[in-house]
Amino acid sequence: MTDDVRAIAQRMYEAFNARDLTAAETIFSTDFVSHPLGTVGVDSVLKAWSGLHTMFPDIQVVVEDMLVDADKAAVRTTLHGIPAGVEAQAPPSMMEIFRVQNGRIAELWGMSSLNRPGR
């Protein structure tokens, strides 16, 4: 199970970086829940990804650490391709936890340093 969870999480980041929106259909469950965004469904993923790619055309997510336990993966990433001035310090980072069910990402919890107060 843990190998499957790791593989689907890695596939998600690869699809995001490749701007492969059609891959989301096979990565996320149809009733996917994003707790940080308060959204449900694959269309919400497509909207979020498209918005980030439009706002930051050079954005790339780099996986720094991934821990997998049973049906969940905790992933620490850095975001590259964010223009100077948007994030003047080190590259912004994200911490996300995914729950996988039936080979697809069913739920996500997360936070990002990109929108920290005072930035």
C-alpha atoms as a PDB file:
ATOM      1  CA  MET A   1       0.000   0.000   0.000  1.00  0.00           C
ATOM      2  CA  THR A   2       2.733   2.512   0.901  1.00  0.00           C
ATOM      3  CA  ASP A   3       4.420   2.107  -2.503  1.00  0.00           C
ATOM      4  CA  ASP A   4       1.084   2.877  -4.207  1.00  0.00           C
ATOM      5  CA  VAL A   5       0.566   5.964  -2.026  1.00  0.00           C
ATOM      6  CA  ARG A   6       4.097   7.210  -2.760  1.00  0.00           C
ATOM      7  CA  ALA A   7       3.636   6.594  -6.502  1.00  0.00           C
ATOM      8  CA  ILE A   8       0.345   8.504  -6.766  1.00  0.00           C
ATOM      9  CA  ALA A   9       1.761  11.445  -4.785  1.00  0.00           C
ATOM     10  CA  GLN A  10       4.814  11.583  -7.044  1.00  0.00           C
ATOM     11  CA  ARG A  11       2.570  11.329 -10.119  1.00  0.00           C
ATOM     12  CA  MET A  12       0.560  14.298  -8.879  1.00  0.00           C
ATOM     13  CA  TYR A  13       3.647  16.527  -8.599  1.00  0.00           C
ATOM     14  CA  GLU A  14       4.957  15.339 -11.976  1.00  0.00           C
ATOM     15  CA  ALA A  15       1.618  16.157 -13.617  1.00  0.00           C
ATOM     16  CA  PHE A  16       1.539  19.608 -11.986  1.00  0.00           C
ATOM     17  CA  ASN A  17       5.075  20.391 -13.156  1.00  0.00           C
ATOM     18  CA  ALA A  18       4.339  19.113 -16.679  1.00  0.00           C
ATOM     19  CA  ARG A  19       1.094  21.138 -16.791  1.00  0.00           C
ATOM     20  CA  ASP A  20      -0.687  17.866 -17.571  1.00  0.00           C
ATOM     21  CA  LEU A  21      -4.207  18.778 -16.490  1.00  0.00           C
ATOM     22  CA  THR A  22      -5.724  15.670 -18.048  1.00  0.00           C
ATOM     23  CA  ALA A  23      -3.699  13.489 -15.665  1.00  0.00           C
ATOM     24  CA  ALA A  24      -5.716  14.911 -12.766  1.00  0.00           C
ATOM     25  CA  GLU A  25      -8.641  12.748 -13.901  1.00  0.00           C
ATOM     26  CA  THR A  26      -6.625   9.616 -13.052  1.00  0.00           C
ATOM     27  CA  ILE A  27      -4.847  10.989  -9.973  1.00  0.00           C
ATOM     28  CA  PHE A  28      -7.725  12.449  -7.934  1.00  0.00           C
ATOM     29  CA  SER A  29     -10.959  10.741  -6.950  1.00  0.00           C
ATOM     30  CA  THR A  30     -14.144  12.210  -8.397  1.00  0.00           C
ATOM     31  CA  ASP A  31     -15.184  13.302  -4.886  1.00  0.00           C
ATOM     32  CA  PHE A  32     -11.719  14.641  -3.971  1.00  0.00           C
ATOM     33  CA  VAL A  33     -11.773  17.092  -1.028  1.00  0.00           C
ATOM     34  CA  SER A  34      -9.248  19.925  -0.628  1.00  0.00           C
ATOM     35  CA  HIS A  35      -9.586  20.969   2.994  1.00  0.00           C
ATOM     36  CA  PRO A  36      -7.429  24.135   2.670  1.00  0.00           C
ATOM     37  CA  LEU A  37      -9.427  25.416  -0.309  1.00  0.00           C
ATOM     38  CA  GLY A  38     -12.775  24.082   0.872  1.00  0.00           C
ATOM     39  CA  THR A  39     -13.441  22.565  -2.532  1.00  0.00           C
ATOM     40  CA  VAL A  40     -14.648  19.209  -3.829  1.00  0.00           C
ATOM     41  CA  GLY A  41     -14.027  17.414  -7.119  1.00  0.00           C
ATOM     42  CA  VAL A  42     -11.415  17.122  -9.831  1.00  0.00           C
ATOM     43  CA  ASP A  43     -12.609  20.370 -11.460  1.00  0.00           C
ATOM     44  CA  SER A  44     -11.462  22.249  -8.368  1.00  0.00           C
ATOM     45  CA  VAL A  45      -7.967  20.808  -8.859  1.00  0.00           C
ATOM     46  CA  LEU A  46      -7.950  21.877 -12.504  1.00  0.00           C
ATOM     47  CA  LYS A  47      -9.023  25.391 -11.527  1.00  0.00           C
ATOM     48  CA  ALA A  48      -6.349  25.658  -8.800  1.00  0.00           C
ATOM     49  CA  TRP A  49      -3.580  24.288 -11.019  1.00  0.00           C
ATOM     50  CA  SER A  50      -4.556  26.524 -13.944  1.00  0.00           C
ATOM     51  CA  GLY A  51      -4.617  29.567 -11.674  1.00  0.00           C
ATOM     52  CA  LEU A  52      -1.135  28.861 -10.321  1.00  0.00           C
ATOM     53  CA  HIS A  53       0.261  28.179 -13.795  1.00  0.00           C
ATOM     54  CA  THR A  54      -1.247  31.439 -15.071  1.00  0.00           C
ATOM     55  CA  MET A  55      -0.002  33.481 -12.108  1.00  0.00           C
ATOM     56  CA  PHE A  56       3.462  31.877 -12.102  1.00  0.00           C
ATOM     57  CA  PRO A  57       4.221  30.473 -15.588  1.00  0.00           C
ATOM     58  CA  ASP A  58       7.603  29.082 -14.491  1.00  0.00           C
ATOM     59  CA  ILE A  59       6.395  27.446 -11.270  1.00  0.00           C
ATOM     60  CA  GLN A  60       7.837  24.040 -10.406  1.00  0.00           C
ATOM     61  CA  VAL A  61       7.212  22.025  -7.268  1.00  0.00           C
ATOM     62  CA  VAL A  62      10.237  20.171  -5.896  1.00  0.00           C
ATOM     63  CA  VAL A  63       9.616  17.357  -3.414  1.00  0.00           C
ATOM     64  CA  GLU A  64      12.058  17.720  -0.533  1.00  0.00           C
ATOM     65  CA  ASP A  65      10.676  15.028   1.809  1.00  0.00           C
ATOM     66  CA  MET A  66       7.924  12.426   1.606  1.00  0.00           C
ATOM     67  CA  LEU A  67       6.795  10.229   4.468  1.00  0.00           C
ATOM     68  CA  VAL A  68       4.213   7.514   3.822  1.00  0.00           C
ATOM     69  CA  ASP A  69       2.171   5.645   6.405  1.00  0.00           C
ATOM     70  CA  ALA A  70      -0.657   3.307   5.420  1.00  0.00           C
ATOM     71  CA  ASP A  71      -3.007   5.344   3.169  1.00  0.00           C
ATOM     72  CA  LYS A  72      -1.433   8.781   3.803  1.00  0.00           C
ATOM     73  CA  ALA A  73       1.575  10.710   2.516  1.00  0.00           C
ATOM     74  CA  ALA A  74       3.059  13.794   4.171  1.00  0.00           C
ATOM     75  CA  VAL A  75       5.058  15.832   1.670  1.00  0.00           C
ATOM     76  CA  ARG A  76       7.285  18.878   2.144  1.00  0.00           C
ATOM     77  CA  THR A  77       7.965  20.761  -1.074  1.00  0.00           C
ATOM     78  CA  THR A  78       9.564  23.974  -2.260  1.00  0.00           C
ATOM     79  CA  LEU A  79       8.110  26.135  -5.008  1.00  0.00           C
ATOM     80  CA  HIS A  80      10.524  27.392  -7.642  1.00  0.00           C
ATOM     81  CA  GLY A  81       9.831  29.862 -10.460  1.00  0.00           C
ATOM     82  CA  ILE A  82       8.110  32.412  -8.213  1.00  0.00           C
ATOM     83  CA  PRO A  83       9.319  35.860  -9.347  1.00  0.00           C
ATOM     84  CA  ALA A  84      11.550  37.886  -7.036  1.00  0.00           C
ATOM     85  CA  GLY A  85       9.493  40.331  -5.031  1.00  0.00           C
ATOM     86  CA  VAL A  86       6.680  37.861  -4.535  1.00  0.00           C
ATOM     87  CA  GLU A  87       8.865  35.842  -2.193  1.00  0.00           C
ATOM     88  CA  ALA A  88      12.146  37.600  -1.409  1.00  0.00           C
ATOM     89  CA  GLN A  89      13.587  35.014   0.992  1.00  0.00           C
ATOM     90  CA  ALA A  90      14.128  31.314   0.368  1.00  0.00           C
ATOM     91  CA  PRO A  91      11.758  29.610  -2.072  1.00  0.00           C
ATOM     92  CA  PRO A  92       8.246  29.288  -0.645  1.00  0.00           C
ATOM     93  CA  SER A  93       7.418  25.901   0.797  1.00  0.00           C
ATOM     94  CA  MET A  94       4.338  23.740   1.193  1.00  0.00           C
ATOM     95  CA  MET A  95       3.436  20.974   3.582  1.00  0.00           C
ATOM     96  CA  GLU A  96       0.697  18.687   2.331  1.00  0.00           C
ATOM     97  CA  ILE A  97      -0.899  15.495   3.588  1.00  0.00           C
ATOM     98  CA  PHE A  98      -2.744  13.287   1.133  1.00  0.00           C
ATOM     99  CA  ARG A  99      -5.117  10.414   1.845  1.00  0.00           C
ATOM    100  CA  VAL A 100      -5.293   7.837  -0.914  1.00  0.00           C
ATOM    101  CA  GLN A 101      -8.297   5.602  -1.497  1.00  0.00           C
ATOM    102  CA  ASN A 102      -8.704   3.095  -4.326  1.00  0.00           C
ATOM    103  CA  GLY A 103      -5.459   4.274  -5.946  1.00  0.00           C
ATOM    104  CA  ARG A 104      -6.445   7.960  -6.125  1.00  0.00           C
ATOM    105  CA  ILE A 105      -5.954  10.995  -3.930  1.00  0.00           C
ATOM    106  CA  ALA A 106      -9.200  11.406  -1.999  1.00  0.00           C
ATOM    107  CA  GLU A 107      -8.325  14.170   0.475  1.00  0.00           C
ATOM    108  CA  LEU A 108      -5.689  16.843   0.949  1.00  0.00           C
ATOM    109  CA  TRP A 109      -4.712  18.977   3.926  1.00  0.00           C
ATOM    110  CA  GLY A 110      -1.964  21.539   3.596  1.00  0.00           C
ATOM    111  CA  MET A 111      -0.375  24.895   4.137  1.00  0.00           C
ATOM    112  CA  SER A 112       2.007  27.124   2.225  1.00  0.00           C
ATOM    113  CA  SER A 113       4.478  29.820   3.164  1.00  0.00           C
ATOM    114  CA  LEU A 114       3.649  31.710  -0.041  1.00  0.00           C
ATOM    115  CA  ASN A 115       0.858  33.752   1.534  1.00  0.00           C
ATOM    116  CA  ARG A 116       2.374  34.357   4.950  1.00  0.00           C
ATOM    117  CA  PRO A 117       1.216  37.566   6.658  1.00  0.00           C
ATOM    118  CA  GLY A 118       3.653  40.415   6.293  1.00  0.00           C
ATOM    119  CA  ARG A 119       4.918  39.286   2.906  1.00  0.00           C
END
